Structure formats: C-alpha cells, structure tokens
Amino acid sequence: MSKIDHKTVDEVAHLARLEFVDTAAKNEMVNDMNRMLVFIEKLNELDTKGVEPLIYMTDESNVLREDVVKETISQKEALLNAPKKDSDYFKAPKVIDK
C-alpha cells in the first residue's frame, strides 16, 4: 500500500486550489488521507464476486408527491417587505444591457 506524504498533499492541494495556513493543518491532512487509504484497503479485502453493483440506493422509482396548489402568501403581503416596489411588482436594478 502506498502512503500519502507531504509532497502528495501539496500536489492535491494545488489541484484543488487549497492552501494550508500552518504545518499542523497539513499534517492533519496527511493523517486523514492515510486513514482513507487504510479504509479502502480494508474494503478491498472483501469478496465481492457475485455481488451486483449498486446503482441506486433504493428500489423505488420516481416517488413523487402530487402537486397541491395553495396560496401561502398574497402578492400584497410579499410586497410589504420589498425594498423597492410599485403597486404590483418588485423593482430591481437593470442587469442586461442592449
């Protein structure tokens, strides 16, 4: 089994655009990544012959609720807290130029 070292952590951090403030944080990352490798090695010990790959976490398919139309807040109530509004609509700054 290969071991994670500071060089590997530096390479992964560079790819992930991470920076470590101190050496303690980098040492903690080295330990965490090595613990992950040990866990994966432990999983590799299992005999998975004849085990179907898991694609979905459940056998259920498209379990959806029915849509129920209900008014939870009126237009006037929604406009009460608007910083800018006219009689019927929220006002927002223009974001598209012609």
PDB file of N, CA and C in Angstrom:
ATOM      1  N   MET A   1       0.852  -1.181   0.000  1.00  0.00           N
ATOM      2  CA  MET A   1       0.000   0.000   0.000  1.00  0.00           C
ATOM      3  C   MET A   1       0.890   1.234   0.000  1.00  0.00           C
ATOM      4  N   SER A   2       0.560   2.189  -0.855  1.00  0.00           N
ATOM      5  CA  SER A   2       1.324   3.429  -0.890  1.00  0.00           C
ATOM      6  C   SER A   2       0.873   4.314   0.260  1.00  0.00           C
ATOM      7  N   LYS A   3       1.742   5.224   0.633  1.00  0.00           N
ATOM      8  CA  LYS A   3       1.457   6.107   1.751  1.00  0.00           C
ATOM      9  C   LYS A   3       1.431   7.544   1.251  1.00  0.00           C
ATOM     10  N   ILE A   4       0.553   8.325   1.819  1.00  0.00           N
ATOM     11  CA  ILE A   4       0.447   9.746   1.481  1.00  0.00           C
ATOM     12  C   ILE A   4       1.521  10.499   2.245  1.00  0.00           C
ATOM     13  N   ASP A   5       2.245  11.355   1.536  1.00  0.00           N
ATOM     14  CA  ASP A   5       3.255  12.183   2.200  1.00  0.00           C
ATOM     15  C   ASP A   5       2.951  13.658   1.932  1.00  0.00           C
ATOM     16  N   HIS A   6       3.800  14.526   2.454  1.00  0.00           N
ATOM     17  CA  HIS A   6       3.577  15.971   2.301  1.00  0.00           C
ATOM     18  C   HIS A   6       3.596  16.394   0.834  1.00  0.00           C
ATOM     19  N   LYS A   7       4.426  15.742   0.026  1.00  0.00           N
ATOM     20  CA  LYS A   7       4.504  16.087  -1.390  1.00  0.00           C
ATOM     21  C   LYS A   7       3.171  15.791  -2.084  1.00  0.00           C
ATOM     22  N   THR A   8       2.584  14.634  -1.787  1.00  0.00           N
ATOM     23  CA  THR A   8       1.299  14.268  -2.376  1.00  0.00           C
ATOM     24  C   THR A   8       0.208  15.244  -1.943  1.00  0.00           C
ATOM     25  N   VAL A   9       0.209  15.603  -0.661  1.00  0.00           N
ATOM     26  CA  VAL A   9      -0.780  16.557  -0.161  1.00  0.00           C
ATOM     27  C   VAL A   9      -0.605  17.903  -0.855  1.00  0.00           C
ATOM     28  N   ASP A  10       0.645  18.331  -1.070  1.00  0.00           N
ATOM     29  CA  ASP A  10       0.896  19.590  -1.774  1.00  0.00           C
ATOM     30  C   ASP A  10       0.347  19.549  -3.204  1.00  0.00           C
ATOM     31  N   GLU A  11       0.530  18.403  -3.888  1.00  0.00           N
ATOM     32  CA  GLU A  11       0.031  18.269  -5.259  1.00  0.00           C
ATOM     33  C   GLU A  11      -1.497  18.301  -5.303  1.00  0.00           C
ATOM     34  N   VAL A  12      -2.131  17.571  -4.375  1.00  0.00           N
ATOM     35  CA  VAL A  12      -3.592  17.558  -4.327  1.00  0.00           C
ATOM     36  C   VAL A  12      -4.120  18.950  -3.960  1.00  0.00           C
ATOM     37  N   ALA A  13      -3.470  19.601  -3.019  1.00  0.00           N
ATOM     38  CA  ALA A  13      -3.881  20.949  -2.611  1.00  0.00           C
ATOM     39  C   ALA A  13      -3.772  21.917  -3.778  1.00  0.00           C
ATOM     40  N   HIS A  14      -2.720  21.786  -4.567  1.00  0.00           N
ATOM     41  CA  HIS A  14      -2.556  22.652  -5.731  1.00  0.00           C
ATOM     42  C   HIS A  14      -3.697  22.435  -6.723  1.00  0.00           C
ATOM     43  N   LEU A  15      -4.021  21.166  -6.999  1.00  0.00           N
ATOM     44  CA  LEU A  15      -5.104  20.857  -7.937  1.00  0.00           C
ATOM     45  C   LEU A  15      -6.454  21.336  -7.423  1.00  0.00           C
ATOM     46  N   ALA A  16      -6.654  21.266  -6.102  1.00  0.00           N
ATOM     47  CA  ALA A  16      -7.929  21.673  -5.505  1.00  0.00           C
ATOM     48  C   ALA A  16      -7.935  23.147  -5.131  1.00  0.00           C
ATOM     49  N   ARG A  17      -6.853  23.833  -5.429  1.00  0.00           N
ATOM     50  CA  ARG A  17      -6.712  25.260  -5.095  1.00  0.00           C
ATOM     51  C   ARG A  17      -6.897  25.511  -3.599  1.00  0.00           C
ATOM     52  N   LEU A  18      -6.249  24.650  -2.778  1.00  0.00           N
ATOM     53  CA  LEU A  18      -6.280  24.793  -1.326  1.00  0.00           C
ATOM     54  C   LEU A  18      -4.949  25.311  -0.834  1.00  0.00           C
ATOM     55  N   GLU A  19      -4.994  26.032   0.258  1.00  0.00           N
ATOM     56  CA  GLU A  19      -3.768  26.493   0.899  1.00  0.00           C
ATOM     57  C   GLU A  19      -3.829  26.118   2.367  1.00  0.00           C
ATOM     58  N   PHE A  20      -2.715  25.648   2.898  1.00  0.00           N
ATOM     59  CA  PHE A  20      -2.630  25.320   4.314  1.00  0.00           C
ATOM     60  C   PHE A  20      -1.928  26.452   5.041  1.00  0.00           C
ATOM     61  N   VAL A  21      -2.574  26.939   6.101  1.00  0.00           N
ATOM     62  CA  VAL A  21      -2.046  28.072   6.851  1.00  0.00           C
ATOM     63  C   VAL A  21      -0.815  27.668   7.655  1.00  0.00           C
ATOM     64  N   ASP A  22      -0.861  26.479   8.232  1.00  0.00           N
ATOM     65  CA  ASP A  22       0.269  26.036   9.056  1.00  0.00           C
ATOM     66  C   ASP A  22       0.578  24.565   8.804  1.00  0.00           C
ATOM     67  N   THR A  23       1.676  24.114   9.348  1.00  0.00           N
ATOM     68  CA  THR A  23       2.094  22.724   9.151  1.00  0.00           C
ATOM     69  C   THR A  23       1.168  21.750   9.859  1.00  0.00           C
ATOM     70  N   ALA A  24       0.569  22.179  10.960  1.00  0.00           N
ATOM     71  CA  ALA A  24      -0.343  21.297  11.695  1.00  0.00           C
ATOM     72  C   ALA A  24      -1.521  20.892  10.821  1.00  0.00           C
ATOM     73  N   ALA A  25      -2.059  21.836  10.067  1.00  0.00           N
ATOM     74  CA  ALA A  25      -3.189  21.533   9.181  1.00  0.00           C
ATOM     75  C   ALA A  25      -2.762  20.558   8.090  1.00  0.00           C
ATOM     76  N   LYS A  26      -1.560  20.750   7.554  1.00  0.00           N
ATOM     77  CA  LYS A  26      -1.067  19.842   6.510  1.00  0.00           C
ATOM     78  C   LYS A  26      -0.824  18.452   7.097  1.00  0.00           C
ATOM     79  N   ASN A  27      -0.269  18.389   8.308  1.00  0.00           N
ATOM     80  CA  ASN A  27      -0.042  17.090   8.957  1.00  0.00           C
ATOM     81  C   ASN A  27      -1.368  16.366   9.207  1.00  0.00           C
ATOM     82  N   GLU A  28      -2.380  17.113   9.593  1.00  0.00           N
ATOM     83  CA  GLU A  28      -3.701  16.526   9.810  1.00  0.00           C
ATOM     84  C   GLU A  28      -4.263  15.966   8.501  1.00  0.00           C
ATOM     85  N   MET A  29      -4.029  16.679   7.405  1.00  0.00           N
ATOM     86  CA  MET A  29      -4.499  16.204   6.099  1.00  0.00           C
ATOM     87  C   MET A  29      -3.761  14.930   5.692  1.00  0.00           C
ATOM     88  N   VAL A  30      -2.466  14.873   5.940  1.00  0.00           N
ATOM     89  CA  VAL A  30      -1.693  13.662   5.643  1.00  0.00           C
ATOM     90  C   VAL A  30      -2.278  12.487   6.421  1.00  0.00           C
ATOM     91  N   ASN A  31      -2.542  12.686   7.710  1.00  0.00           N
ATOM     92  CA  ASN A  31      -3.110  11.609   8.537  1.00  0.00           C
ATOM     93  C   ASN A  31      -4.489  11.189   8.035  1.00  0.00           C
ATOM     94  N   ASP A  32      -5.344  12.166   7.716  1.00  0.00           N
ATOM     95  CA  ASP A  32      -6.692  11.843   7.233  1.00  0.00           C
ATOM     96  C   ASP A  32      -6.647  11.064   5.928  1.00  0.00           C
ATOM     97  N   MET A  33      -5.792  11.490   5.010  1.00  0.00           N
ATOM     98  CA  MET A  33      -5.710  10.804   3.717  1.00  0.00           C
ATOM     99  C   MET A  33      -5.148   9.393   3.879  1.00  0.00           C
ATOM    100  N   ASN A  34      -4.205   9.209   4.775  1.00  0.00           N
ATOM    101  CA  ASN A  34      -3.682   7.862   5.036  1.00  0.00           C
ATOM    102  C   ASN A  34      -4.745   6.971   5.664  1.00  0.00           C
ATOM    103  N   ARG A  35      -5.586   7.545   6.529  1.00  0.00           N
ATOM    104  CA  ARG A  35      -6.679   6.770   7.123  1.00  0.00           C
ATOM    105  C   ARG A  35      -7.668   6.347   6.043  1.00  0.00           C
ATOM    106  N   MET A  36      -7.898   7.221   5.047  1.00  0.00           N
ATOM    107  CA  MET A  36      -8.786   6.862   3.929  1.00  0.00           C
ATOM    108  C   MET A  36      -8.213   5.685   3.146  1.00  0.00           C
ATOM    109  N   LEU A  37      -6.894   5.706   2.909  1.00  0.00           N
ATOM    110  CA  LEU A  37      -6.267   4.599   2.177  1.00  0.00           C
ATOM    111  C   LEU A  37      -6.394   3.285   2.947  1.00  0.00           C
ATOM    112  N   VAL A  38      -6.224   3.342   4.262  1.00  0.00           N
ATOM    113  CA  VAL A  38      -6.368   2.137   5.087  1.00  0.00           C
ATOM    114  C   VAL A  38      -7.788   1.605   4.972  1.00  0.00           C
ATOM    115  N   PHE A  39      -8.773   2.502   4.989  1.00  0.00           N
ATOM    116  CA  PHE A  39     -10.173   2.100   4.861  1.00  0.00           C
ATOM    117  C   PHE A  39     -10.416   1.430   3.509  1.00  0.00           C
ATOM    118  N   ILE A  40      -9.884   2.003   2.445  1.00  0.00           N
ATOM    119  CA  ILE A  40     -10.061   1.427   1.105  1.00  0.00           C
ATOM    120  C   ILE A  40      -9.399   0.054   1.031  1.00  0.00           C
ATOM    121  N   GLU A  41      -8.228  -0.076   1.604  1.00  0.00           N
ATOM    122  CA  GLU A  41      -7.552  -1.381   1.630  1.00  0.00           C
ATOM    123  C   GLU A  41      -8.408  -2.400   2.375  1.00  0.00           C
ATOM    124  N   LYS A  42      -9.045  -1.973   3.450  1.00  0.00           N
ATOM    125  CA  LYS A  42      -9.917  -2.866   4.204  1.00  0.00           C
ATOM    126  C   LYS A  42     -11.091  -3.309   3.336  1.00  0.00           C
ATOM    127  N   LEU A  43     -11.658  -2.389   2.560  1.00  0.00           N
ATOM    128  CA  LEU A  43     -12.753  -2.745   1.656  1.00  0.00           C
ATOM    129  C   LEU A  43     -12.291  -3.716   0.572  1.00  0.00           C
ATOM    130  N   ASN A  44     -11.039  -3.574   0.138  1.00  0.00           N
ATOM    131  CA  ASN A  44     -10.507  -4.468  -0.898  1.00  0.00           C
ATOM    132  C   ASN A  44     -10.371  -5.901  -0.403  1.00  0.00           C
ATOM    133  N   GLU A  45     -10.383  -6.120   0.900  1.00  0.00           N
ATOM    134  CA  GLU A  45     -10.289  -7.463   1.456  1.00  0.00           C
ATOM    135  C   GLU A  45     -11.591  -8.250   1.295  1.00  0.00           C
ATOM    136  N   LEU A  46     -12.689  -7.550   1.054  1.00  0.00           N
ATOM    137  CA  LEU A  46     -13.989  -8.216   0.946  1.00  0.00           C
ATOM    138  C   LEU A  46     -14.121  -8.966  -0.369  1.00  0.00           C
ATOM    139  N   ASP A  47     -14.756 -10.129  -0.313  1.00  0.00           N
ATOM    140  CA  ASP A  47     -15.040 -10.903  -1.514  1.00  0.00           C
ATOM    141  C   ASP A  47     -16.334 -10.385  -2.117  1.00  0.00           C
ATOM    142  N   THR A  48     -16.233  -9.757  -3.271  1.00  0.00           N
ATOM    143  CA  THR A  48     -17.417  -9.167  -3.905  1.00  0.00           C
ATOM    144  C   THR A  48     -17.834  -9.921  -5.167  1.00  0.00           C
ATOM    145  N   LYS A  49     -17.325 -11.120  -5.351  1.00  0.00           N
ATOM    146  CA  LYS A  49     -17.725 -11.915  -6.506  1.00  0.00           C
ATOM    147  C   LYS A  49     -19.209 -12.250  -6.387  1.00  0.00           C
ATOM    148  N   GLY A  50     -19.951 -12.044  -7.468  1.00  0.00           N
ATOM    149  CA  GLY A  50     -21.373 -12.343  -7.469  1.00  0.00           C
ATOM    150  C   GLY A  50     -22.235 -11.243  -6.872  1.00  0.00           C
ATOM    151  N   VAL A  51     -21.630 -10.151  -6.449  1.00  0.00           N
ATOM    152  CA  VAL A  51     -22.407  -9.047  -5.880  1.00  0.00           C
ATOM    153  C   VAL A  51     -22.672  -8.032  -6.988  1.00  0.00           C
ATOM    154  N   GLU A  52     -23.946  -7.747  -7.201  1.00  0.00           N
ATOM    155  CA  GLU A  52     -24.324  -6.781  -8.228  1.00  0.00           C
ATOM    156  C   GLU A  52     -23.877  -5.382  -7.806  1.00  0.00           C
ATOM    157  N   PRO A  53     -23.360  -4.596  -8.738  1.00  0.00           N
ATOM    158  CA  PRO A  53     -23.002  -3.204  -8.403  1.00  0.00           C
ATOM    159  C   PRO A  53     -24.243  -2.419  -7.997  1.00  0.00           C
ATOM    160  N   LEU A  54     -24.078  -1.563  -7.009  1.00  0.00           N
ATOM    161  CA  LEU A  54     -25.190  -0.741  -6.536  1.00  0.00           C
ATOM    162  C   LEU A  54     -25.263   0.520  -7.384  1.00  0.00           C
ATOM    163  N   ILE A  55     -26.371   0.674  -8.064  1.00  0.00           N
ATOM    164  CA  ILE A  55     -26.560   1.858  -8.898  1.00  0.00           C
ATOM    165  C   ILE A  55     -27.448   2.854  -8.181  1.00  0.00           C
ATOM    166  N   TYR A  56     -28.525   2.359  -7.561  1.00  0.00           N
ATOM    167  CA  TYR A  56     -29.459   3.210  -6.850  1.00  0.00           C
ATOM    168  C   TYR A  56     -29.517   2.770  -5.391  1.00  0.00           C
ATOM    169  N   MET A  57     -29.789   3.695  -4.499  1.00  0.00           N
ATOM    170  CA  MET A  57     -29.851   3.372  -3.081  1.00  0.00           C
ATOM    171  C   MET A  57     -31.175   2.726  -2.688  1.00  0.00           C
ATOM    172  N   THR A  58     -32.140   2.739  -3.575  1.00  0.00           N
ATOM    173  CA  THR A  58     -33.458   2.184  -3.268  1.00  0.00           C
ATOM    174  C   THR A  58     -34.039   1.553  -4.528  1.00  0.00           C
ATOM    175  N   ASP A  59     -34.996   0.662  -4.348  1.00  0.00           N
ATOM    176  CA  ASP A  59     -35.676   0.060  -5.492  1.00  0.00           C
ATOM    177  C   ASP A  59     -36.811   0.931  -5.995  1.00  0.00           C
ATOM    178  N   GLU A  60     -37.171   1.955  -5.233  1.00  0.00           N
ATOM    179  CA  GLU A  60     -38.264   2.857  -5.602  1.00  0.00           C
ATOM    180  C   GLU A  60     -37.890   3.606  -6.884  1.00  0.00           C
ATOM    181  N   SER A  61     -38.904   3.926  -7.669  1.00  0.00           N
ATOM    182  CA  SER A  61     -38.665   4.655  -8.900  1.00  0.00           C
ATOM    183  C   SER A  61     -39.596   5.848  -8.980  1.00  0.00           C
ATOM    184  N   ASN A  62     -39.024   7.036  -9.130  1.00  0.00           N
ATOM    185  CA  ASN A  62     -39.806   8.262  -9.296  1.00  0.00           C
ATOM    186  C   ASN A  62     -40.928   8.398  -8.259  1.00  0.00           C
ATOM    187  N   VAL A  63     -40.541   8.379  -7.011  1.00  0.00           N
ATOM    188  CA  VAL A  63     -41.519   8.572  -5.945  1.00  0.00           C
ATOM    189  C   VAL A  63     -41.720  10.066  -5.786  1.00  0.00           C
ATOM    190  N   LEU A  64     -42.816  10.545  -6.312  1.00  0.00           N
ATOM    191  CA  LEU A  64     -43.105  11.963  -6.294  1.00  0.00           C
ATOM    192  C   LEU A  64     -44.425  12.208  -5.599  1.00  0.00           C
ATOM    193  N   ARG A  65     -44.548  13.348  -4.976  1.00  0.00           N
ATOM    194  CA  ARG A  65     -45.815  13.716  -4.359  1.00  0.00           C
ATOM    195  C   ARG A  65     -46.664  14.449  -5.389  1.00  0.00           C
ATOM    196  N   GLU A  66     -47.923  14.438  -5.173  1.00  0.00           N
ATOM    197  CA  GLU A  66     -48.836  15.184  -6.036  1.00  0.00           C
ATOM    198  C   GLU A  66     -48.665  16.671  -5.750  1.00  0.00           C
ATOM    199  N   ASP A  67     -48.707  17.477  -6.789  1.00  0.00           N
ATOM    200  CA  ASP A  67     -48.656  18.918  -6.609  1.00  0.00           C
ATOM    201  C   ASP A  67     -49.975  19.406  -6.041  1.00  0.00           C
ATOM    202  N   VAL A  68     -49.877  20.239  -5.027  1.00  0.00           N
ATOM    203  CA  VAL A  68     -51.065  20.819  -4.428  1.00  0.00           C
ATOM    204  C   VAL A  68     -50.919  22.328  -4.510  1.00  0.00           C
ATOM    205  N   VAL A  69     -51.860  22.971  -5.154  1.00  0.00           N
ATOM    206  CA  VAL A  69     -51.815  24.416  -5.290  1.00  0.00           C
ATOM    207  C   VAL A  69     -52.394  25.030  -4.031  1.00  0.00           C
ATOM    208  N   LYS A  70     -51.614  25.890  -3.395  1.00  0.00           N
ATOM    209  CA  LYS A  70     -52.128  26.607  -2.241  1.00  0.00           C
ATOM    210  C   LYS A  70     -51.419  27.951  -2.158  1.00  0.00           C
ATOM    211  N   GLU A  71     -52.137  28.924  -1.692  1.00  0.00           N
ATOM    212  CA  GLU A  71     -51.566  30.254  -1.578  1.00  0.00           C
ATOM    213  C   GLU A  71     -51.049  30.426  -0.155  1.00  0.00           C
ATOM    214  N   THR A  72     -49.743  30.582  -0.019  1.00  0.00           N
ATOM    215  CA  THR A  72     -49.172  30.726   1.319  1.00  0.00           C
ATOM    216  C   THR A  72     -48.980  32.189   1.689  1.00  0.00           C
ATOM    217  N   ILE A  73     -48.803  33.034   0.690  1.00  0.00           N
ATOM    218  CA  ILE A  73     -48.624  34.462   0.943  1.00  0.00           C
ATOM    219  C   ILE A  73     -49.221  35.220  -0.238  1.00  0.00           C
ATOM    220  N   SER A  74     -49.909  36.276   0.059  1.00  0.00           N
ATOM    221  CA  SER A  74     -50.534  37.037  -1.031  1.00  0.00           C
ATOM    222  C   SER A  74     -49.499  37.969  -1.666  1.00  0.00           C
ATOM    223  N   GLN A  75     -49.841  38.470  -2.819  1.00  0.00           N
ATOM    224  CA  GLN A  75     -48.947  39.396  -3.514  1.00  0.00           C
ATOM    225  C   GLN A  75     -48.730  40.651  -2.678  1.00  0.00           C
ATOM    226  N   LYS A  76     -49.769  41.154  -2.078  1.00  0.00           N
ATOM    227  CA  LYS A  76     -49.649  42.368  -1.252  1.00  0.00           C
ATOM    228  C   LYS A  76     -48.757  42.113  -0.035  1.00  0.00           C
ATOM    229  N   GLU A  77     -48.896  40.936   0.587  1.00  0.00           N
ATOM    230  CA  GLU A  77     -48.059  40.596   1.749  1.00  0.00           C
ATOM    231  C   GLU A  77     -46.589  40.477   1.331  1.00  0.00           C
ATOM    232  N   ALA A  78     -46.353  39.906   0.164  1.00  0.00           N
ATOM    233  CA  ALA A  78     -44.978  39.756  -0.328  1.00  0.00           C
ATOM    234  C   ALA A  78     -44.346  41.119  -0.578  1.00  0.00           C
ATOM    235  N   LEU A  79     -45.123  42.044  -1.087  1.00  0.00           N
ATOM    236  CA  LEU A  79     -44.595  43.374  -1.404  1.00  0.00           C
ATOM    237  C   LEU A  79     -44.362  44.236  -0.154  1.00  0.00           C
ATOM    238  N   LEU A  80     -44.942  43.854   0.977  1.00  0.00           N
ATOM    239  CA  LEU A  80     -44.779  44.653   2.197  1.00  0.00           C
ATOM    240  C   LEU A  80     -43.308  44.814   2.593  1.00  0.00           C
ATOM    241  N   ASN A  81     -42.497  43.779   2.431  1.00  0.00           N
ATOM    242  CA  ASN A  81     -41.092  43.821   2.842  1.00  0.00           C
ATOM    243  C   ASN A  81     -40.131  44.147   1.710  1.00  0.00           C
ATOM    244  N   ALA A  82     -40.638  44.440   0.547  1.00  0.00           N
ATOM    245  CA  ALA A  82     -39.776  44.730  -0.600  1.00  0.00           C
ATOM    246  C   ALA A  82     -39.112  46.097  -0.417  1.00  0.00           C
ATOM    247  N   PRO A  83     -37.785  46.171  -0.635  1.00  0.00           N
ATOM    248  CA  PRO A  83     -37.122  47.460  -0.509  1.00  0.00           C
ATOM    249  C   PRO A  83     -37.572  48.454  -1.578  1.00  0.00           C
ATOM    250  N   LYS A  84     -37.828  47.959  -2.789  1.00  0.00           N
ATOM    251  CA  LYS A  84     -38.323  48.818  -3.873  1.00  0.00           C
ATOM    252  C   LYS A  84     -39.460  48.088  -4.557  1.00  0.00           C
ATOM    253  N   LYS A  85     -40.554  48.802  -4.804  1.00  0.00           N
ATOM    254  CA  LYS A  85     -41.727  48.184  -5.427  1.00  0.00           C
ATOM    255  C   LYS A  85     -42.589  49.262  -6.044  1.00  0.00           C
ATOM    256  N   ASP A  86     -43.483  48.841  -6.925  1.00  0.00           N
ATOM    257  CA  ASP A  86     -44.548  49.741  -7.356  1.00  0.00           C
ATOM    258  C   ASP A  86     -45.846  49.097  -6.863  1.00  0.00           C
ATOM    259  N   SER A  87     -46.958  49.377  -7.463  1.00  0.00           N
ATOM    260  CA  SER A  87     -48.216  48.865  -6.915  1.00  0.00           C
ATOM    261  C   SER A  87     -48.354  47.343  -7.017  1.00  0.00           C
ATOM    262  N   ASP A  88     -47.713  46.727  -8.014  1.00  0.00           N
ATOM    263  CA  ASP A  88     -47.902  45.288  -8.229  1.00  0.00           C
ATOM    264  C   ASP A  88     -46.624  44.448  -8.264  1.00  0.00           C
ATOM    265  N   TYR A  89     -45.449  45.069  -8.420  1.00  0.00           N
ATOM    266  CA  TYR A  89     -44.238  44.294  -8.699  1.00  0.00           C
ATOM    267  C   TYR A  89     -43.064  44.743  -7.838  1.00  0.00           C
ATOM    268  N   PHE A  90     -42.093  43.813  -7.675  1.00  0.00           N
ATOM    269  CA  PHE A  90     -40.803  44.165  -7.087  1.00  0.00           C
ATOM    270  C   PHE A  90     -40.033  44.969  -8.127  1.00  0.00           C
ATOM    271  N   LYS A  91     -39.267  45.941  -7.683  1.00  0.00           N
ATOM    272  CA  LYS A  91     -38.393  46.670  -8.592  1.00  0.00           C
ATOM    273  C   LYS A  91     -36.965  46.221  -8.324  1.00  0.00           C
ATOM    274  N   ALA A  92     -36.229  45.968  -9.393  1.00  0.00           N
ATOM    275  CA  ALA A  92     -34.841  45.524  -9.277  1.00  0.00           C
ATOM    276  C   ALA A  92     -34.001  46.298 -10.276  1.00  0.00           C
ATOM    277  N   PRO A  93     -32.687  46.428 -10.004  1.00  0.00           N
ATOM    278  CA  PRO A  93     -31.830  47.143 -10.952  1.00  0.00           C
ATOM    279  C   PRO A  93     -31.731  46.386 -12.274  1.00  0.00           C
ATOM    280  N   LYS A  94     -31.538  47.129 -13.325  1.00  0.00           N
ATOM    281  CA  LYS A  94     -31.386  46.554 -14.661  1.00  0.00           C
ATOM    282  C   LYS A  94     -30.056  45.790 -14.710  1.00  0.00           C
ATOM    283  N   VAL A  95     -30.088  44.563 -15.202  1.00  0.00           N
ATOM    284  CA  VAL A  95     -28.860  43.763 -15.270  1.00  0.00           C
ATOM    285  C   VAL A  95     -28.466  43.386 -16.687  1.00  0.00           C
ATOM    286  N   ILE A  96     -29.296  43.675 -17.657  1.00  0.00           N
ATOM    287  CA  ILE A  96     -28.995  43.330 -19.045  1.00  0.00           C
ATOM    288  C   ILE A  96     -28.856  44.615 -19.845  1.00  0.00           C
ATOM    289  N   ASP A  97     -27.726  44.745 -20.542  1.00  0.00           N
ATOM    290  CA  ASP A  97     -27.515  45.881 -21.444  1.00  0.00           C
ATOM    291  C   ASP A  97     -27.905  45.483 -22.851  1.00  0.00           C
ATOM    292  N   LYS A  98     -28.332  46.491 -23.624  1.00  0.00           N
ATOM    293  CA  LYS A  98     -28.685  46.203 -25.019  1.00  0.00           C
ATOM    294  C   LYS A  98     -27.468  46.212 -25.885  1.00  0.00           C
TER     295      LYS A  98
END
